[in-house]
Amino acid sequence: MRRAGVVAWNTFREAVRDRVLYNLVFFALLMMAAAIAVGQISIGIEQTVIVSLGLSAISVIGLLISVFIGVALVSKELDKRTLYALLAKPVRRWEFLLGKFAGLVLTLAVNTAAMAVGLLLVMIYVKHTLERSDASVLVAVYFILLKLALIVALALLFSCFTTPLLAILFTVGLYVVGLYVLELRNLPAEVMSPAAAAFTRGLSYLLPNFENFNVMALAAHGRAVPGALILQNTMYTVIYCAMVLTAAAAVFSRKNLK
């Protein structure tokens, strides 16, 4: 674990030095500033508009960082041939993957926290104060971070056995499908055969359920997020990430690096 921690810290330092991250964070903060102007037009629903746009900006920017940098974590090391020198040291392949995952999640946590602070500042500017009900915004940001951690794990898995372009397409495709897991699970049985219905229902439980992480409507209207949902999403992310990273480590351990 200590070796994985070293890889994670180096990954975090490398990602922080990347100008793309700063540009993306600046873009997100700019979108939140634009939300103030939009909120002035939307009389009576300023907070709803600002929170919705702010959380959307955090989610979209985080998604871009997770997918593109997550896929490049392995491929970039292979292209630069720095992976060979690293694995020549007493660093196992699963430790390398775990360190890369932890480093990018740490980077996302720092950037997400910065954008969340920006959103709170915008809310204070508009409302002149924060209320207890605004804590749901922080819960929504936490759920976004959980979602991004899951996307990073998926991006790492796909990058272990395919090209960067296909890994990006697979990750984005799985993310889009994961937004409609409940719809797949509740498809009318009349439109398909019993075998197809059973297969679709079983597949819906295997796919990552990203719909559960969306509490933007609750946060925008200042409604409390149930504590059971917070615990459920946390445990779901931990277990699913562990399964995906285990599969990634199994694939990467058999990958021919020559």
Protein backbone atom coordinates (compact mmCIF):
# COMPACT_ATOMS: atom_id res chain seq x y z
CA MET A 1 0.00 0.00 0.00
CA ARG A 2 2.92 2.35 0.64
CA ARG A 3 4.14 1.85 -2.92
CA ALA A 4 0.63 2.47 -4.24
CA GLY A 5 0.55 5.64 -2.16
CA VAL A 6 3.76 6.87 -3.78
CA VAL A 7 2.27 6.26 -7.24
CA ALA A 8 -0.92 8.06 -6.18
CA TRP A 9 0.97 11.10 -4.92
CA ASN A 10 3.08 11.33 -8.08
CA THR A 11 -0.08 11.00 -10.19
CA PHE A 12 -1.71 13.80 -8.22
CA ARG A 13 1.32 16.07 -8.62
CA GLU A 14 1.48 15.38 -12.35
CA ALA A 15 -2.23 16.03 -12.81
CA VAL A 16 -2.10 19.26 -10.81
CA ARG A 17 0.69 20.55 -13.05
CA ASP A 18 -1.46 19.86 -16.11
CA ARG A 19 -2.83 23.17 -17.42
CA VAL A 20 -5.92 21.43 -18.74
CA LEU A 21 -7.22 20.96 -15.20
CA TYR A 22 -6.88 24.65 -14.42
CA ASN A 23 -8.62 25.56 -17.66
CA LEU A 24 -11.50 23.23 -16.90
CA VAL A 25 -11.89 24.51 -13.35
CA PHE A 26 -11.78 28.11 -14.63
CA PHE A 27 -14.47 27.23 -17.16
CA ALA A 28 -16.65 25.76 -14.41
CA LEU A 29 -16.23 28.84 -12.22
CA LEU A 30 -17.06 31.02 -15.23
CA MET A 31 -20.26 29.06 -15.77
CA MET A 32 -21.21 29.62 -12.13
CA ALA A 33 -20.58 33.35 -12.54
CA ALA A 34 -22.84 33.29 -15.58
CA ALA A 35 -25.47 31.63 -13.39
CA ILE A 36 -25.67 34.87 -11.39
CA ALA A 37 -26.69 36.79 -14.51
CA VAL A 38 -29.23 34.13 -15.42
CA GLY A 39 -30.55 34.14 -11.88
CA GLN A 40 -31.18 37.87 -12.07
CA ILE A 41 -33.46 37.25 -15.03
CA SER A 42 -35.27 34.37 -13.33
CA ILE A 43 -37.13 36.35 -10.67
CA GLY A 44 -38.04 34.23 -7.64
CA ILE A 45 -36.09 31.15 -8.70
CA GLU A 46 -32.56 32.54 -8.57
CA GLN A 47 -31.30 29.86 -6.19
CA THR A 48 -32.82 27.03 -8.23
CA VAL A 49 -31.18 28.28 -11.43
CA ILE A 50 -27.81 28.96 -9.81
CA VAL A 51 -27.60 25.60 -8.02
CA SER A 52 -28.74 23.68 -11.10
CA LEU A 53 -26.21 25.36 -13.39
CA GLY A 54 -23.43 25.15 -10.82
CA LEU A 55 -23.92 21.44 -10.14
CA SER A 56 -24.22 20.77 -13.86
CA ALA A 57 -20.91 22.56 -14.46
CA ILE A 58 -19.18 20.55 -11.71
CA SER A 59 -20.57 17.30 -13.11
CA VAL A 60 -19.65 18.00 -16.75
CA ILE A 61 -16.14 19.25 -15.98
CA GLY A 62 -15.52 16.34 -13.64
CA LEU A 63 -16.75 13.94 -16.29
CA LEU A 64 -14.30 15.33 -18.85
CA ILE A 65 -11.40 15.04 -16.40
CA SER A 66 -12.40 11.52 -15.36
CA VAL A 67 -12.76 10.13 -18.86
CA PHE A 68 -9.90 11.74 -20.76
CA ILE A 69 -7.27 11.77 -18.03
CA GLY A 70 -8.46 8.42 -16.62
CA VAL A 71 -7.98 6.70 -19.98
CA ALA A 72 -4.57 8.35 -20.42
CA LEU A 73 -3.25 7.16 -17.05
CA VAL A 74 -2.02 3.86 -18.49
CA SER A 75 -1.61 4.69 -22.19
CA LYS A 76 0.53 7.76 -21.48
CA GLU A 77 2.89 5.73 -19.32
CA LEU A 78 3.19 3.16 -22.10
CA ASP A 79 3.83 5.78 -24.77
CA LYS A 80 6.51 7.51 -22.72
CA ARG A 81 7.93 4.09 -21.73
CA THR A 82 8.08 5.25 -18.12
CA LEU A 83 5.95 2.28 -17.10
CA TYR A 84 8.79 -0.15 -17.85
CA ALA A 85 11.19 1.64 -15.52
CA LEU A 86 8.51 1.84 -12.83
CA LEU A 87 7.59 -1.84 -12.99
CA ALA A 88 11.29 -2.75 -12.96
CA LYS A 89 11.27 -1.48 -9.38
CA PRO A 90 9.47 -3.42 -6.61
CA VAL A 91 6.06 -2.12 -7.75
CA ARG A 92 3.43 -4.66 -8.69
CA ARG A 93 1.02 -4.00 -11.51
CA TRP A 94 -2.02 -3.89 -9.24
CA GLU A 95 -0.23 -1.39 -7.01
CA PHE A 96 0.43 0.75 -10.07
CA LEU A 97 -3.26 0.70 -11.06
CA LEU A 98 -4.46 1.34 -7.52
CA GLY A 99 -2.04 4.25 -7.18
CA LYS A 100 -3.15 5.76 -10.48
CA PHE A 101 -6.79 5.43 -9.46
CA ALA A 102 -6.23 6.99 -6.04
CA GLY A 103 -4.13 9.81 -7.50
CA LEU A 104 -6.78 10.84 -10.02
CA VAL A 105 -9.59 10.55 -7.47
CA LEU A 106 -7.57 12.83 -5.16
CA THR A 107 -7.15 15.27 -8.05
CA LEU A 108 -10.88 15.18 -8.72
CA ALA A 109 -11.62 15.71 -5.02
CA VAL A 110 -9.45 18.83 -4.92
CA ASN A 111 -10.91 20.25 -8.14
CA THR A 112 -14.47 19.38 -7.13
CA ALA A 113 -13.94 21.04 -3.74
CA ALA A 114 -12.63 24.18 -5.46
CA MET A 115 -15.66 24.32 -7.73
CA ALA A 116 -17.99 23.65 -4.79
CA VAL A 117 -16.47 26.60 -2.92
CA GLY A 118 -17.05 28.73 -6.00
CA LEU A 119 -20.70 27.65 -6.10
CA LEU A 120 -21.17 28.44 -2.40
CA LEU A 121 -19.62 31.88 -2.91
CA VAL A 122 -22.06 32.55 -5.72
CA MET A 123 -24.95 31.48 -3.47
CA ILE A 124 -23.72 33.78 -0.69
CA TYR A 125 -23.44 36.64 -3.17
CA VAL A 126 -27.02 36.17 -4.28
CA LYS A 127 -28.65 35.24 -0.95
CA HIS A 128 -26.21 37.09 1.36
CA THR A 129 -26.28 34.06 3.66
CA LEU A 130 -26.36 30.29 3.73
CA GLU A 131 -29.14 28.28 5.33
CA ARG A 132 -29.18 24.83 6.85
CA SER A 133 -31.11 23.51 3.86
CA ASP A 134 -28.17 24.44 1.63
CA ALA A 135 -26.28 21.46 3.04
CA SER A 136 -28.05 19.40 0.37
CA VAL A 137 -25.83 21.16 -2.19
CA LEU A 138 -22.74 19.71 -0.51
CA VAL A 139 -24.37 16.28 -0.52
CA ALA A 140 -25.03 16.66 -4.26
CA VAL A 141 -21.36 17.58 -4.80
CA TYR A 142 -20.33 14.52 -2.77
CA PHE A 143 -22.51 12.32 -4.97
CA ILE A 144 -20.89 13.83 -8.05
CA LEU A 145 -17.48 12.89 -6.66
CA LEU A 146 -18.65 9.32 -6.02
CA LYS A 147 -19.91 9.13 -9.60
CA LEU A 148 -16.60 10.43 -10.93
CA ALA A 149 -14.63 7.86 -8.90
CA LEU A 150 -16.70 5.12 -10.51
CA ILE A 151 -16.07 6.58 -13.98
CA VAL A 152 -12.32 6.67 -13.32
CA ALA A 153 -12.37 2.98 -12.38
CA LEU A 154 -14.23 2.13 -15.59
CA ALA A 155 -11.85 4.24 -17.68
CA LEU A 156 -8.88 2.43 -16.13
CA LEU A 157 -10.44 -0.95 -16.87
CA PHE A 158 -11.06 -0.19 -20.55
CA SER A 159 -7.64 1.40 -21.00
CA CYS A 160 -6.01 -1.86 -19.88
CA PHE A 161 -7.12 -3.86 -22.92
CA THR A 162 -7.99 -1.46 -25.73
CA THR A 163 -6.88 1.74 -27.46
CA PRO A 164 -7.42 5.16 -25.83
CA LEU A 165 -10.10 6.15 -28.36
CA LEU A 166 -12.11 2.97 -27.83
CA ALA A 167 -11.64 3.25 -24.06
CA ILE A 168 -13.15 6.75 -24.17
CA LEU A 169 -16.08 5.56 -26.28
CA PHE A 170 -16.71 2.55 -24.03
CA THR A 171 -16.56 4.66 -20.87
CA VAL A 172 -18.85 7.38 -22.20
CA GLY A 173 -21.24 4.79 -23.63
CA LEU A 174 -21.44 2.92 -20.33
CA TYR A 175 -22.01 6.20 -18.52
CA VAL A 176 -24.91 7.12 -20.80
CA VAL A 177 -26.47 3.67 -20.43
CA GLY A 178 -25.97 3.85 -16.66
CA LEU A 179 -28.17 6.93 -16.55
CA TYR A 180 -31.14 4.83 -17.71
CA VAL A 181 -30.67 1.67 -15.66
CA LEU A 182 -34.06 1.96 -13.99
CA GLU A 183 -35.76 2.39 -17.36
CA LEU A 184 -34.06 -0.78 -18.61
CA ARG A 185 -35.14 -2.61 -15.47
CA ASN A 186 -38.77 -1.55 -15.87
CA LEU A 187 -39.22 -2.11 -19.59
CA PRO A 188 -42.71 -3.47 -20.36
CA ALA A 189 -42.63 -7.23 -20.77
CA GLU A 190 -45.09 -6.98 -23.67
CA VAL A 191 -42.52 -5.40 -26.02
CA MET A 192 -40.04 -8.29 -25.81
CA SER A 193 -39.82 -12.02 -25.29
CA PRO A 194 -39.54 -13.44 -21.74
CA ALA A 195 -35.91 -14.43 -22.37
CA ALA A 196 -35.01 -10.94 -23.60
CA ALA A 197 -36.84 -9.35 -20.66
CA ALA A 198 -34.95 -11.55 -18.19
CA PHE A 199 -31.63 -10.78 -19.90
CA THR A 200 -32.29 -7.02 -19.91
CA ARG A 201 -33.33 -7.06 -16.27
CA GLY A 202 -30.23 -9.06 -15.26
CA LEU A 203 -28.00 -6.74 -17.29
CA SER A 204 -29.47 -3.69 -15.54
CA TYR A 205 -28.16 -4.99 -12.21
CA LEU A 206 -24.65 -5.45 -13.63
CA LEU A 207 -24.43 -2.01 -15.22
CA PRO A 208 -23.33 0.92 -13.03
CA ASN A 209 -26.38 2.82 -11.79
CA PHE A 210 -25.52 6.49 -12.21
CA GLU A 211 -29.12 7.59 -11.82
CA ASN A 212 -28.99 7.17 -8.04
CA PHE A 213 -26.29 9.85 -7.81
CA ASN A 214 -28.53 12.55 -9.29
CA VAL A 215 -30.04 14.62 -6.46
CA MET A 216 -29.75 17.92 -8.29
CA ALA A 217 -33.49 18.60 -8.06
CA LEU A 218 -33.48 18.11 -4.29
CA ALA A 219 -30.45 20.37 -3.85
CA ALA A 220 -31.85 23.07 -6.14
CA HIS A 221 -35.03 23.28 -4.07
CA GLY A 222 -33.27 23.03 -0.70
CA ARG A 223 -34.72 19.63 0.22
CA ALA A 224 -32.84 17.24 2.48
CA VAL A 225 -31.22 14.14 1.00
CA PRO A 226 -32.09 10.97 2.95
CA GLY A 227 -29.23 9.63 5.05
CA ALA A 228 -29.98 6.11 3.84
CA LEU A 229 -29.31 7.20 0.27
CA ILE A 230 -25.97 8.73 1.27
CA LEU A 231 -24.89 5.48 2.92
CA GLN A 232 -26.24 3.40 0.03
CA ASN A 233 -24.41 5.39 -2.63
CA THR A 234 -21.18 5.38 -0.63
CA MET A 235 -21.22 1.61 -0.16
CA TYR A 236 -22.29 1.05 -3.75
CA THR A 237 -19.37 3.11 -5.07
CA VAL A 238 -16.83 1.40 -2.81
CA ILE A 239 -18.00 -2.11 -3.74
CA TYR A 240 -18.40 -1.41 -7.47
CA CYS A 241 -15.02 0.34 -7.72
CA ALA A 242 -13.38 -2.58 -5.90
CA MET A 243 -14.90 -5.03 -8.38
CA VAL A 244 -13.92 -2.96 -11.43
CA LEU A 245 -10.37 -2.37 -10.17
CA THR A 246 -9.99 -6.08 -9.41
CA ALA A 247 -11.00 -6.87 -12.99
CA ALA A 248 -8.62 -4.18 -14.28
CA ALA A 249 -5.75 -5.62 -12.22
CA ALA A 250 -6.49 -9.12 -13.56
CA VAL A 251 -6.45 -7.87 -17.16
CA PHE A 252 -3.38 -5.69 -16.67
CA SER A 253 -1.42 -8.47 -14.99
CA ARG A 254 -1.79 -10.57 -18.16
CA LYS A 255 -1.12 -7.71 -20.55
CA ASN A 256 1.96 -8.09 -22.72
CA LEU A 257 3.89 -4.85 -22.30
CA LYS A 258 6.57 -5.65 -24.87
